[in-house]
Amino acid sequence: MFRQTEPGRIGRDGKRVGDRTAVDPRDGTYRLDAGMYVVRYGEPVRIPEGHVGFVLPRSTLLRNSCTLDTAVWDAGYEGVGEGRLDVGHPLELEQGSRIAQLVLAQADHETAYDGAYQSEGL
């Protein structure tokens, strides 16, 4: 779990992720105030050829006034991805809790992912 502390940059000639500060759990539990966080998911994934992946919030997260934002994961992506956790009301979140689910869909791709985030977090 992280809080972004510095601006990032997305340009036509490249990209840079802004600096972050880790949010430390107490006794294995994050105590999160309302705000935006970057969450690193707990398990590595590999998106199979001919598919794309969508990460969606679990309903209990939504029922606690929180949600996740994420991008489409391309065919061939492999790594431990990240998403934006929007906490609308203070929340206690135990490390390793299930907050998201990966949904795969068939897609017609000519190539597989080979971008800057390949093998992320592995």
C-alpha atoms as a PDB file:
ATOM      1  CA  MET A   1       0.000   0.000   0.000  1.00  0.00           C
ATOM      2  CA  PHE A   2       1.387   3.388  -0.998  1.00  0.00           C
ATOM      3  CA  ARG A   3       0.575   7.084  -1.105  1.00  0.00           C
ATOM      4  CA  GLN A   4       1.886   8.957  -4.108  1.00  0.00           C
ATOM      5  CA  THR A   5       3.978  11.915  -2.915  1.00  0.00           C
ATOM      6  CA  GLU A   6       5.377  13.417  -6.128  1.00  0.00           C
ATOM      7  CA  PRO A   7       3.936  14.082  -9.563  1.00  0.00           C
ATOM      8  CA  GLY A   8       4.374  11.549 -12.333  1.00  0.00           C
ATOM      9  CA  ARG A   9       4.562  12.258 -16.046  1.00  0.00           C
ATOM     10  CA  ILE A  10       2.919  10.722 -19.095  1.00  0.00           C
ATOM     11  CA  GLY A  11       4.222  12.065 -22.379  1.00  0.00           C
ATOM     12  CA  ARG A  12       4.427  11.077 -26.011  1.00  0.00           C
ATOM     13  CA  ASP A  13       8.094  10.225 -25.513  1.00  0.00           C
ATOM     14  CA  GLY A  14       7.841   8.199 -22.313  1.00  0.00           C
ATOM     15  CA  LYS A  15       6.410   7.984 -18.839  1.00  0.00           C
ATOM     16  CA  ARG A  16       7.488   8.229 -15.223  1.00  0.00           C
ATOM     17  CA  VAL A  17       5.649   7.100 -12.102  1.00  0.00           C
ATOM     18  CA  GLY A  18       5.799   9.657  -9.299  1.00  0.00           C
ATOM     19  CA  ASP A  19       7.546   8.887  -6.022  1.00  0.00           C
ATOM     20  CA  ARG A  20       5.587   7.021  -3.373  1.00  0.00           C
ATOM     21  CA  THR A  21       5.697   6.449   0.348  1.00  0.00           C
ATOM     22  CA  ALA A  22       4.755   3.056   1.782  1.00  0.00           C
ATOM     23  CA  VAL A  23       1.814   2.929   4.161  1.00  0.00           C
ATOM     24  CA  ASP A  24       2.823   0.698   7.051  1.00  0.00           C
ATOM     25  CA  PRO A  25       0.324  -1.681   8.610  1.00  0.00           C
ATOM     26  CA  ARG A  26      -0.041  -2.006  12.375  1.00  0.00           C
ATOM     27  CA  ASP A  27      -0.414  -5.557  13.587  1.00  0.00           C
ATOM     28  CA  GLY A  28      -1.026  -6.697  10.010  1.00  0.00           C
ATOM     29  CA  THR A  29      -3.815  -4.179   9.378  1.00  0.00           C
ATOM     30  CA  TYR A  30      -3.818  -0.973   7.351  1.00  0.00           C
ATOM     31  CA  ARG A  31      -5.831   1.786   8.972  1.00  0.00           C
ATOM     32  CA  LEU A  32      -6.715   4.002   6.037  1.00  0.00           C
ATOM     33  CA  ASP A  33      -8.204   7.471   6.193  1.00  0.00           C
ATOM     34  CA  ALA A  34     -10.365   8.686   3.328  1.00  0.00           C
ATOM     35  CA  GLY A  35      -8.210   9.393   0.289  1.00  0.00           C
ATOM     36  CA  MET A  36      -6.381   7.845  -2.645  1.00  0.00           C
ATOM     37  CA  TYR A  37      -3.855   5.041  -2.312  1.00  0.00           C
ATOM     38  CA  VAL A  38      -1.904   2.820  -4.674  1.00  0.00           C
ATOM     39  CA  VAL A  39      -2.415  -0.833  -3.820  1.00  0.00           C
ATOM     40  CA  ARG A  40      -0.138  -3.605  -5.033  1.00  0.00           C
ATOM     41  CA  TYR A  41      -2.133  -6.776  -5.498  1.00  0.00           C
ATOM     42  CA  GLY A  42      -1.045  -9.826  -3.551  1.00  0.00           C
ATOM     43  CA  GLU A  43      -0.602 -12.400  -6.283  1.00  0.00           C
ATOM     44  CA  PRO A  44       1.240 -12.532  -9.595  1.00  0.00           C
ATOM     45  CA  VAL A  45      -0.858 -13.010 -12.712  1.00  0.00           C
ATOM     46  CA  ARG A  46      -0.244 -13.974 -16.316  1.00  0.00           C
ATOM     47  CA  ILE A  47      -2.786 -12.928 -18.889  1.00  0.00           C
ATOM     48  CA  PRO A  48      -3.020 -15.694 -21.515  1.00  0.00           C
ATOM     49  CA  GLU A  49      -2.677 -15.068 -25.233  1.00  0.00           C
ATOM     50  CA  GLY A  50      -5.941 -14.098 -26.863  1.00  0.00           C
ATOM     51  CA  HIS A  51      -7.319 -12.546 -23.651  1.00  0.00           C
ATOM     52  CA  VAL A  52      -7.385  -9.302 -21.707  1.00  0.00           C
ATOM     53  CA  GLY A  53      -7.818  -8.944 -17.969  1.00  0.00           C
ATOM     54  CA  PHE A  54     -10.013  -6.599 -15.958  1.00  0.00           C
ATOM     55  CA  VAL A  55      -9.571  -6.144 -12.205  1.00  0.00           C
ATOM     56  CA  LEU A  56     -12.836  -5.329 -10.461  1.00  0.00           C
ATOM     57  CA  PRO A  57     -13.518  -4.491  -6.816  1.00  0.00           C
ATOM     58  CA  ARG A  58     -15.171  -7.089  -4.634  1.00  0.00           C
ATOM     59  CA  SER A  59     -18.614  -6.085  -3.399  1.00  0.00           C
ATOM     60  CA  THR A  60     -17.561  -5.804   0.253  1.00  0.00           C
ATOM     61  CA  LEU A  61     -15.091  -3.090  -0.736  1.00  0.00           C
ATOM     62  CA  LEU A  62     -17.904  -1.175  -2.445  1.00  0.00           C
ATOM     63  CA  ARG A  63     -20.209  -1.663   0.548  1.00  0.00           C
ATOM     64  CA  ASN A  64     -17.540   0.032   2.654  1.00  0.00           C
ATOM     65  CA  SER A  65     -17.530   3.175   0.472  1.00  0.00           C
ATOM     66  CA  CYS A  66     -14.345   2.203  -1.388  1.00  0.00           C
ATOM     67  CA  THR A  67     -13.503   1.239  -4.944  1.00  0.00           C
ATOM     68  CA  LEU A  68     -10.602   0.296  -7.212  1.00  0.00           C
ATOM     69  CA  ASP A  69      -9.543   1.834 -10.494  1.00  0.00           C
ATOM     70  CA  THR A  70      -7.329  -0.132 -12.836  1.00  0.00           C
ATOM     71  CA  ALA A  71      -6.437  -0.400 -16.497  1.00  0.00           C
ATOM     72  CA  VAL A  72      -6.990  -3.228 -18.952  1.00  0.00           C
ATOM     73  CA  TRP A  73      -4.260  -5.869 -18.622  1.00  0.00           C
ATOM     74  CA  ASP A  74      -3.057  -6.900 -22.080  1.00  0.00           C
ATOM     75  CA  ALA A  75      -2.513 -10.423 -23.374  1.00  0.00           C
ATOM     76  CA  GLY A  76       0.929 -11.608 -22.309  1.00  0.00           C
ATOM     77  CA  TYR A  77       1.211  -9.290 -19.279  1.00  0.00           C
ATOM     78  CA  GLU A  78       2.885 -11.027 -16.359  1.00  0.00           C
ATOM     79  CA  GLY A  79       3.498  -9.475 -12.971  1.00  0.00           C
ATOM     80  CA  VAL A  80       2.065  -8.276  -9.690  1.00  0.00           C
ATOM     81  CA  GLY A  81      -0.055  -5.353 -10.789  1.00  0.00           C
ATOM     82  CA  GLU A  82      -1.224  -2.255  -9.015  1.00  0.00           C
ATOM     83  CA  GLY A  83      -4.385  -0.204  -8.881  1.00  0.00           C
ATOM     84  CA  ARG A  84      -5.760   2.936  -7.306  1.00  0.00           C
ATOM     85  CA  LEU A  85      -7.714   2.365  -4.117  1.00  0.00           C
ATOM     86  CA  ASP A  86     -10.216   5.146  -3.484  1.00  0.00           C
ATOM     87  CA  VAL A  87     -11.192   5.096   0.197  1.00  0.00           C
ATOM     88  CA  GLY A  88     -14.373   7.112   0.683  1.00  0.00           C
ATOM     89  CA  HIS A  89     -14.670   6.493   4.428  1.00  0.00           C
ATOM     90  CA  PRO A  90     -12.013   5.312   6.919  1.00  0.00           C
ATOM     91  CA  LEU A  91     -11.314   1.620   6.530  1.00  0.00           C
ATOM     92  CA  GLU A  92      -9.363  -1.103   8.295  1.00  0.00           C
ATOM     93  CA  LEU A  93      -7.879  -3.468   5.722  1.00  0.00           C
ATOM     94  CA  GLU A  94      -6.042  -6.570   6.855  1.00  0.00           C
ATOM     95  CA  GLN A  95      -2.977  -7.534   4.807  1.00  0.00           C
ATOM     96  CA  GLY A  96      -3.822 -10.295   2.348  1.00  0.00           C
ATOM     97  CA  SER A  97      -7.551  -9.513   2.326  1.00  0.00           C
ATOM     98  CA  ARG A  98      -9.378 -10.135  -0.927  1.00  0.00           C
ATOM     99  CA  ILE A  99     -10.390  -6.757  -2.348  1.00  0.00           C
ATOM    100  CA  ALA A 100     -10.404  -7.487  -6.089  1.00  0.00           C
ATOM    101  CA  GLN A 101     -11.131 -10.150  -8.653  1.00  0.00           C
ATOM    102  CA  LEU A 102      -9.546 -10.704 -12.033  1.00  0.00           C
ATOM    103  CA  VAL A 103     -11.931 -11.230 -14.942  1.00  0.00           C
ATOM    104  CA  LEU A 104     -10.577 -12.554 -18.242  1.00  0.00           C
ATOM    105  CA  ALA A 105     -12.213 -11.908 -21.594  1.00  0.00           C
ATOM    106  CA  GLN A 106     -11.314 -13.205 -25.023  1.00  0.00           C
ATOM    107  CA  ALA A 107      -9.743 -10.598 -27.274  1.00  0.00           C
ATOM    108  CA  ASP A 108      -8.437 -10.546 -30.817  1.00  0.00           C
ATOM    109  CA  HIS A 109      -4.801  -9.422 -30.529  1.00  0.00           C
ATOM    110  CA  GLU A 110      -2.053  -9.562 -33.095  1.00  0.00           C
ATOM    111  CA  THR A 111       0.722  -9.190 -30.495  1.00  0.00           C
ATOM    112  CA  ALA A 112       1.253  -9.808 -26.780  1.00  0.00           C
ATOM    113  CA  TYR A 113       2.252  -7.275 -24.145  1.00  0.00           C
ATOM    114  CA  ASP A 114       5.960  -6.434 -24.080  1.00  0.00           C
ATOM    115  CA  GLY A 115       5.931  -3.060 -22.333  1.00  0.00           C
ATOM    116  CA  ALA A 116       7.774  -1.339 -19.532  1.00  0.00           C
ATOM    117  CA  TYR A 117       5.770  -3.090 -16.797  1.00  0.00           C
ATOM    118  CA  GLN A 118       6.447  -6.664 -17.954  1.00  0.00           C
ATOM    119  CA  SER A 119       7.530  -8.826 -14.960  1.00  0.00           C
ATOM    120  CA  GLU A 120       6.386  -6.045 -12.617  1.00  0.00           C
ATOM    121  CA  GLY A 121       6.782  -6.928  -8.970  1.00  0.00           C
ATOM    122  CA  LEU A 122       8.136 -10.409  -9.719  1.00  0.00           C
END
